[in-house]
Amino acid sequence: MKFNLGTNAKPQLVNINAQLKTCKVLEVEQLLKKFKDVFTWTYKDLKGIPLDLAQHKIELDITIPPSYQAKYKLNP
């Protein structure tokens, strides 16, 4: 189940479990709206944390070809 914590101009979409009861969904939605300033939506929102710690980069060697596994059925 999705709902928007932001505005239509700047949406901040949140996914929660769709199997929750309606009363619990409302409680979770109210709780998230109350504390929405705690969450970070972009890397720029992480104040006091260097960007290189928050963002991971995987540098691949382009001279090494990718390896492929043979496909097999999980449930024959």
PDB file of N, CA and C in Angstrom:
ATOM      1  N   MET A   1       0.853  -1.158   0.000  1.00  0.00           N
ATOM      2  CA  MET A   1       0.000   0.000   0.000  1.00  0.00           C
ATOM      3  C   MET A   1       0.908   1.232   0.000  1.00  0.00           C
ATOM      4  N   LYS A   2       0.608   2.168  -0.877  1.00  0.00           N
ATOM      5  CA  LYS A   2       1.409   3.374  -0.990  1.00  0.00           C
ATOM      6  C   LYS A   2       0.606   4.581  -0.542  1.00  0.00           C
ATOM      7  N   PHE A   3       1.295   5.537   0.075  1.00  0.00           N
ATOM      8  CA  PHE A   3       0.698   6.832   0.320  1.00  0.00           C
ATOM      9  C   PHE A   3       1.789   7.885   0.312  1.00  0.00           C
ATOM     10  N   ASN A   4       1.373   9.132   0.106  1.00  0.00           N
ATOM     11  CA  ASN A   4       2.283  10.239  -0.091  1.00  0.00           C
ATOM     12  C   ASN A   4       2.410  11.048   1.198  1.00  0.00           C
ATOM     13  N   LEU A   5       3.640  11.206   1.693  1.00  0.00           N
ATOM     14  CA  LEU A   5       3.878  12.036   2.873  1.00  0.00           C
ATOM     15  C   LEU A   5       4.172  13.483   2.494  1.00  0.00           C
ATOM     16  N   GLY A   6       4.479  13.723   1.230  1.00  0.00           N
ATOM     17  CA  GLY A   6       4.835  15.062   0.768  1.00  0.00           C
ATOM     18  C   GLY A   6       3.649  15.756   0.119  1.00  0.00           C
ATOM     19  N   THR A   7       3.961  16.583  -0.875  1.00  0.00           N
ATOM     20  CA  THR A   7       2.941  17.297  -1.626  1.00  0.00           C
ATOM     21  C   THR A   7       2.876  16.723  -3.035  1.00  0.00           C
ATOM     22  N   ASN A   8       1.913  17.202  -3.817  1.00  0.00           N
ATOM     23  CA  ASN A   8       1.819  16.746  -5.199  1.00  0.00           C
ATOM     24  C   ASN A   8       3.009  17.234  -6.017  1.00  0.00           C
ATOM     25  N   ALA A   9       3.524  18.429  -5.693  1.00  0.00           N
ATOM     26  CA  ALA A   9       4.677  18.965  -6.410  1.00  0.00           C
ATOM     27  C   ALA A   9       5.954  18.215  -6.044  1.00  0.00           C
ATOM     28  N   LYS A  10       6.078  17.835  -4.775  1.00  0.00           N
ATOM     29  CA  LYS A  10       7.267  17.116  -4.304  1.00  0.00           C
ATOM     30  C   LYS A  10       6.806  15.858  -3.543  1.00  0.00           C
ATOM     31  N   PRO A  11       6.497  14.795  -4.268  1.00  0.00           N
ATOM     32  CA  PRO A  11       5.975  13.596  -3.597  1.00  0.00           C
ATOM     33  C   PRO A  11       7.049  12.859  -2.802  1.00  0.00           C
ATOM     34  N   GLN A  12       6.640  12.318  -1.676  1.00  0.00           N
ATOM     35  CA  GLN A  12       7.494  11.485  -0.831  1.00  0.00           C
ATOM     36  C   GLN A  12       6.700  10.210  -0.551  1.00  0.00           C
ATOM     37  N   LEU A  13       6.809   9.260  -1.466  1.00  0.00           N
ATOM     38  CA  LEU A  13       6.002   8.048  -1.398  1.00  0.00           C
ATOM     39  C   LEU A  13       6.563   7.054  -0.396  1.00  0.00           C
ATOM     40  N   VAL A  14       5.669   6.414   0.320  1.00  0.00           N
ATOM     41  CA  VAL A  14       6.019   5.422   1.335  1.00  0.00           C
ATOM     42  C   VAL A  14       5.215   4.165   1.063  1.00  0.00           C
ATOM     43  N   ASN A  15       5.857   3.020   1.148  1.00  0.00           N
ATOM     44  CA  ASN A  15       5.188   1.722   0.992  1.00  0.00           C
ATOM     45  C   ASN A  15       5.068   1.065   2.356  1.00  0.00           C
ATOM     46  N   ILE A  16       3.883   0.566   2.655  1.00  0.00           N
ATOM     47  CA  ILE A  16       3.689  -0.219   3.872  1.00  0.00           C
ATOM     48  C   ILE A  16       2.986  -1.510   3.490  1.00  0.00           C
ATOM     49  N   ASN A  17       2.964  -2.449   4.392  1.00  0.00           N
ATOM     50  CA  ASN A  17       2.382  -3.765   4.157  1.00  0.00           C
ATOM     51  C   ASN A  17       0.879  -3.641   3.904  1.00  0.00           C
ATOM     52  N   ALA A  18       0.427  -4.176   2.795  1.00  0.00           N
ATOM     53  CA  ALA A  18      -0.991  -4.102   2.435  1.00  0.00           C
ATOM     54  C   ALA A  18      -1.844  -5.069   3.245  1.00  0.00           C
ATOM     55  N   GLN A  19      -1.228  -5.990   3.958  1.00  0.00           N
ATOM     56  CA  GLN A  19      -1.983  -6.976   4.721  1.00  0.00           C
ATOM     57  C   GLN A  19      -2.319  -6.489   6.133  1.00  0.00           C
ATOM     58  N   LEU A  20      -1.913  -5.271   6.475  1.00  0.00           N
ATOM     59  CA  LEU A  20      -2.256  -4.734   7.788  1.00  0.00           C
ATOM     60  C   LEU A  20      -3.744  -4.416   7.846  1.00  0.00           C
ATOM     61  N   LYS A  21      -4.286  -4.466   9.048  1.00  0.00           N
ATOM     62  CA  LYS A  21      -5.683  -4.085   9.230  1.00  0.00           C
ATOM     63  C   LYS A  21      -5.822  -2.585   9.008  1.00  0.00           C
ATOM     64  N   THR A  22      -7.016  -2.154   8.669  1.00  0.00           N
ATOM     65  CA  THR A  22      -7.264  -0.749   8.338  1.00  0.00           C
ATOM     66  C   THR A  22      -6.908   0.174   9.492  1.00  0.00           C
ATOM     67  N   CYS A  23      -7.204  -0.230  10.706  1.00  0.00           N
ATOM     68  CA  CYS A  23      -6.898   0.616  11.857  1.00  0.00           C
ATOM     69  C   CYS A  23      -5.378   0.762  12.034  1.00  0.00           C
ATOM     70  N   LYS A  24      -4.634  -0.298  11.784  1.00  0.00           N
ATOM     71  CA  LYS A  24      -3.171  -0.245  11.891  1.00  0.00           C
ATOM     72  C   LYS A  24      -2.567   0.610  10.779  1.00  0.00           C
ATOM     73  N   VAL A  25      -3.156   0.523   9.577  1.00  0.00           N
ATOM     74  CA  VAL A  25      -2.675   1.342   8.460  1.00  0.00           C
ATOM     75  C   VAL A  25      -2.833   2.817   8.800  1.00  0.00           C
ATOM     76  N   LEU A  26      -3.958   3.179   9.378  1.00  0.00           N
ATOM     77  CA  LEU A  26      -4.185   4.575   9.771  1.00  0.00           C
ATOM     78  C   LEU A  26      -3.205   5.012  10.850  1.00  0.00           C
ATOM     79  N   GLU A  27      -2.933   4.128  11.810  1.00  0.00           N
ATOM     80  CA  GLU A  27      -1.977   4.449  12.873  1.00  0.00           C
ATOM     81  C   GLU A  27      -0.578   4.669  12.309  1.00  0.00           C
ATOM     82  N   VAL A  28      -0.165   3.772  11.422  1.00  0.00           N
ATOM     83  CA  VAL A  28       1.166   3.884  10.817  1.00  0.00           C
ATOM     84  C   VAL A  28       1.260   5.158   9.985  1.00  0.00           C
ATOM     85  N   GLU A  29       0.219   5.450   9.230  1.00  0.00           N
ATOM     86  CA  GLU A  29       0.211   6.651   8.397  1.00  0.00           C
ATOM     87  C   GLU A  29       0.299   7.915   9.249  1.00  0.00           C
ATOM     88  N   GLN A  30      -0.442   7.975  10.339  1.00  0.00           N
ATOM     89  CA  GLN A  30      -0.375   9.128  11.239  1.00  0.00           C
ATOM     90  C   GLN A  30       0.996   9.246  11.882  1.00  0.00           C
ATOM     91  N   LEU A  31       1.579   8.131  12.273  1.00  0.00           N
ATOM     92  CA  LEU A  31       2.902   8.134  12.890  1.00  0.00           C
ATOM     93  C   LEU A  31       3.967   8.627  11.909  1.00  0.00           C
ATOM     94  N   LEU A  32       3.917   8.141  10.677  1.00  0.00           N
ATOM     95  CA  LEU A  32       4.884   8.571   9.673  1.00  0.00           C
ATOM     96  C   LEU A  32       4.719  10.045   9.321  1.00  0.00           C
ATOM     97  N   LYS A  33       3.486  10.527   9.249  1.00  0.00           N
ATOM     98  CA  LYS A  33       3.256  11.944   8.968  1.00  0.00           C
ATOM     99  C   LYS A  33       3.745  12.813  10.119  1.00  0.00           C
ATOM    100  N   LYS A  34       3.585  12.334  11.341  1.00  0.00           N
ATOM    101  CA  LYS A  34       4.026  13.097  12.510  1.00  0.00           C
ATOM    102  C   LYS A  34       5.543  13.231  12.540  1.00  0.00           C
ATOM    103  N   PHE A  35       6.255  12.162  12.160  1.00  0.00           N
ATOM    104  CA  PHE A  35       7.713  12.159  12.246  1.00  0.00           C
ATOM    105  C   PHE A  35       8.384  12.170  10.869  1.00  0.00           C
ATOM    106  N   LYS A  36       7.747  12.760   9.857  1.00  0.00           N
ATOM    107  CA  LYS A  36       8.310  12.735   8.514  1.00  0.00           C
ATOM    108  C   LYS A  36       9.581  13.570   8.393  1.00  0.00           C
ATOM    109  N   ASP A  37       9.817  14.502   9.312  1.00  0.00           N
ATOM    110  CA  ASP A  37      11.049  15.297   9.267  1.00  0.00           C
ATOM    111  C   ASP A  37      12.265  14.487   9.711  1.00  0.00           C
ATOM    112  N   VAL A  38      12.067  13.310  10.265  1.00  0.00           N
ATOM    113  CA  VAL A  38      13.167  12.455  10.712  1.00  0.00           C
ATOM    114  C   VAL A  38      13.791  11.701   9.545  1.00  0.00           C
ATOM    115  N   PHE A  39      13.008  11.400   8.513  1.00  0.00           N
ATOM    116  CA  PHE A  39      13.467  10.590   7.402  1.00  0.00           C
ATOM    117  C   PHE A  39      14.236  11.431   6.392  1.00  0.00           C
ATOM    118  N   THR A  40      15.203  10.795   5.745  1.00  0.00           N
ATOM    119  CA  THR A  40      15.928  11.458   4.668  1.00  0.00           C
ATOM    120  C   THR A  40      15.391  10.949   3.341  1.00  0.00           C
ATOM    121  N   TRP A  41      15.203  11.862   2.409  1.00  0.00           N
ATOM    122  CA  TRP A  41      14.665  11.509   1.110  1.00  0.00           C
ATOM    123  C   TRP A  41      15.734  11.583   0.032  1.00  0.00           C
ATOM    124  N   THR A  42      16.778  12.364   0.272  1.00  0.00           N
ATOM    125  CA  THR A  42      17.888  12.480  -0.675  1.00  0.00           C
ATOM    126  C   THR A  42      19.188  12.447   0.115  1.00  0.00           C
ATOM    127  N   TYR A  43      20.300  12.311  -0.605  1.00  0.00           N
ATOM    128  CA  TYR A  43      21.597  12.326   0.050  1.00  0.00           C
ATOM    129  C   TYR A  43      21.905  13.700   0.638  1.00  0.00           C
ATOM    130  N   LYS A  44      21.327  14.742   0.074  1.00  0.00           N
ATOM    131  CA  LYS A  44      21.554  16.102   0.585  1.00  0.00           C
ATOM    132  C   LYS A  44      20.925  16.286   1.967  1.00  0.00           C
ATOM    133  N   ASP A  45      19.923  15.476   2.286  1.00  0.00           N
ATOM    134  CA  ASP A  45      19.278  15.566   3.601  1.00  0.00           C
ATOM    135  C   ASP A  45      20.143  15.000   4.721  1.00  0.00           C
ATOM    136  N   LEU A  46      21.169  14.246   4.391  1.00  0.00           N
ATOM    137  CA  LEU A  46      22.049  13.651   5.393  1.00  0.00           C
ATOM    138  C   LEU A  46      23.044  14.710   5.870  1.00  0.00           C
ATOM    139  N   LYS A  47      22.680  15.404   6.898  1.00  0.00           N
ATOM    140  CA  LYS A  47      23.543  16.460   7.419  1.00  0.00           C
ATOM    141  C   LYS A  47      24.550  15.863   8.401  1.00  0.00           C
ATOM    142  N   GLY A  48      25.805  16.255   8.274  1.00  0.00           N
ATOM    143  CA  GLY A  48      26.838  15.788   9.180  1.00  0.00           C
ATOM    144  C   GLY A  48      27.465  14.468   8.772  1.00  0.00           C
ATOM    145  N   ILE A  49      26.984  13.867   7.700  1.00  0.00           N
ATOM    146  CA  ILE A  49      27.538  12.604   7.233  1.00  0.00           C
ATOM    147  C   ILE A  49      28.165  12.852   5.866  1.00  0.00           C
ATOM    148  N   PRO A  50      29.454  12.573   5.701  1.00  0.00           N
ATOM    149  CA  PRO A  50      30.075  12.776   4.395  1.00  0.00           C
ATOM    150  C   PRO A  50      29.402  11.916   3.324  1.00  0.00           C
ATOM    151  N   LEU A  51      29.290  12.469   2.132  1.00  0.00           N
ATOM    152  CA  LEU A  51      28.596  11.783   1.051  1.00  0.00           C
ATOM    153  C   LEU A  51      29.270  10.476   0.676  1.00  0.00           C
ATOM    154  N   ASP A  52      30.602  10.402   0.781  1.00  0.00           N
ATOM    155  CA  ASP A  52      31.283   9.164   0.414  1.00  0.00           C
ATOM    156  C   ASP A  52      31.005   8.028   1.401  1.00  0.00           C
ATOM    157  N   LEU A  53      30.540   8.339   2.608  1.00  0.00           N
ATOM    158  CA  LEU A  53      30.140   7.293   3.550  1.00  0.00           C
ATOM    159  C   LEU A  53      28.718   6.803   3.274  1.00  0.00           C
ATOM    160  N   ALA A  54      27.857   7.705   2.813  1.00  0.00           N
ATOM    161  CA  ALA A  54      26.459   7.358   2.598  1.00  0.00           C
ATOM    162  C   ALA A  54      26.213   6.739   1.234  1.00  0.00           C
ATOM    163  N   GLN A  55      27.114   6.995   0.296  1.00  0.00           N
ATOM    164  CA  GLN A  55      26.910   6.538  -1.067  1.00  0.00           C
ATOM    165  C   GLN A  55      27.984   5.516  -1.416  1.00  0.00           C
ATOM    166  N   HIS A  56      27.569   4.375  -1.918  1.00  0.00           N
ATOM    167  CA  HIS A  56      28.506   3.313  -2.255  1.00  0.00           C
ATOM    168  C   HIS A  56      28.773   3.301  -3.753  1.00  0.00           C
ATOM    169  N   LYS A  57      30.010   3.054  -4.100  1.00  0.00           N
ATOM    170  CA  LYS A  57      30.377   2.934  -5.505  1.00  0.00           C
ATOM    171  C   LYS A  57      31.137   1.630  -5.681  1.00  0.00           C
ATOM    172  N   ILE A  58      30.796   0.906  -6.714  1.00  0.00           N
ATOM    173  CA  ILE A  58      31.493  -0.327  -7.037  1.00  0.00           C
ATOM    174  C   ILE A  58      32.214  -0.099  -8.359  1.00  0.00           C
ATOM    175  N   GLU A  59      33.508  -0.088  -8.289  1.00  0.00           N
ATOM    176  CA  GLU A  59      34.285   0.128  -9.498  1.00  0.00           C
ATOM    177  C   GLU A  59      34.639  -1.227 -10.097  1.00  0.00           C
ATOM    178  N   LEU A  60      34.185  -1.451 -11.313  1.00  0.00           N
ATOM    179  CA  LEU A  60      34.416  -2.715 -11.996  1.00  0.00           C
ATOM    180  C   LEU A  60      35.536  -2.555 -13.012  1.00  0.00           C
ATOM    181  N   ASP A  61      36.312  -3.602 -13.164  1.00  0.00           N
ATOM    182  CA  ASP A  61      37.378  -3.618 -14.156  1.00  0.00           C
ATOM    183  C   ASP A  61      36.756  -4.008 -15.495  1.00  0.00           C
ATOM    184  N   ILE A  62      36.791  -3.105 -16.466  1.00  0.00           N
ATOM    185  CA  ILE A  62      36.122  -3.360 -17.744  1.00  0.00           C
ATOM    186  C   ILE A  62      36.879  -4.365 -18.608  1.00  0.00           C
ATOM    187  N   THR A  63      38.090  -4.713 -18.214  1.00  0.00           N
ATOM    188  CA  THR A  63      38.848  -5.695 -18.996  1.00  0.00           C
ATOM    189  C   THR A  63      38.433  -7.127 -18.675  1.00  0.00           C
ATOM    190  N   ILE A  64      37.735  -7.326 -17.570  1.00  0.00           N
ATOM    191  CA  ILE A  64      37.296  -8.661 -17.167  1.00  0.00           C
ATOM    192  C   ILE A  64      35.863  -8.869 -17.656  1.00  0.00           C
ATOM    193  N   PRO A  65      35.614  -9.896 -18.466  1.00  0.00           N
ATOM    194  CA  PRO A  65      34.251 -10.120 -18.964  1.00  0.00           C
ATOM    195  C   PRO A  65      33.355 -10.655 -17.844  1.00  0.00           C
ATOM    196  N   PRO A  66      32.057 -10.348 -17.904  1.00  0.00           N
ATOM    197  CA  PRO A  66      31.143 -10.867 -16.883  1.00  0.00           C
ATOM    198  C   PRO A  66      30.984 -12.371 -17.006  1.00  0.00           C
ATOM    199  N   SER A  67      30.735 -13.029 -15.876  1.00  0.00           N
ATOM    200  CA  SER A  67      30.525 -14.472 -15.905  1.00  0.00           C
ATOM    201  C   SER A  67      29.025 -14.750 -15.904  1.00  0.00           C
ATOM    202  N   TYR A  68      28.644 -15.793 -16.598  1.00  0.00           N
ATOM    203  CA  TYR A  68      27.243 -16.170 -16.695  1.00  0.00           C
ATOM    204  C   TYR A  68      27.075 -17.592 -16.190  1.00  0.00           C
ATOM    205  N   GLN A  69      25.985 -17.798 -15.442  1.00  0.00           N
ATOM    206  CA  GLN A  69      25.665 -19.136 -14.959  1.00  0.00           C
ATOM    207  C   GLN A  69      24.636 -19.765 -15.891  1.00  0.00           C
ATOM    208  N   ALA A  70      24.678 -21.078 -15.964  1.00  0.00           N
ATOM    209  CA  ALA A  70      23.682 -21.798 -16.756  1.00  0.00           C
ATOM    210  C   ALA A  70      22.328 -21.700 -16.067  1.00  0.00           C
ATOM    211  N   LYS A  71      21.272 -21.530 -16.834  1.00  0.00           N
ATOM    212  CA  LYS A  71      19.928 -21.437 -16.267  1.00  0.00           C
ATOM    213  C   LYS A  71      19.444 -22.833 -15.893  1.00  0.00           C
ATOM    214  N   TYR A  72      18.747 -22.921 -14.803  1.00  0.00           N
ATOM    215  CA  TYR A  72      18.164 -24.188 -14.376  1.00  0.00           C
ATOM    216  C   TYR A  72      16.827 -23.909 -13.706  1.00  0.00           C
ATOM    217  N   LYS A  73      15.976 -24.922 -13.704  1.00  0.00           N
ATOM    218  CA  LYS A  73      14.658 -24.794 -13.116  1.00  0.00           C
ATOM    219  C   LYS A  73      14.762 -24.964 -11.604  1.00  0.00           C
ATOM    220  N   LEU A  74      13.993 -24.144 -10.896  1.00  0.00           N
ATOM    221  CA  LEU A  74      13.988 -24.259  -9.441  1.00  0.00           C
ATOM    222  C   LEU A  74      13.077 -25.392  -8.976  1.00  0.00           C
ATOM    223  N   ASN A  75      11.987 -25.573  -9.667  1.00  0.00           N
ATOM    224  CA  ASN A  75      11.039 -26.605  -9.286  1.00  0.00           C
ATOM    225  C   ASN A  75      10.663 -27.417 -10.529  1.00  0.00           C
ATOM    226  N   PRO A  76      11.399 -28.488 -10.832  1.00  0.00           N
ATOM    227  CA  PRO A  76      11.142 -29.230 -12.085  1.00  0.00           C
ATOM    228  C   PRO A  76       9.808 -29.937 -12.106  1.00  0.00           C
TER     229      PRO A  76
END
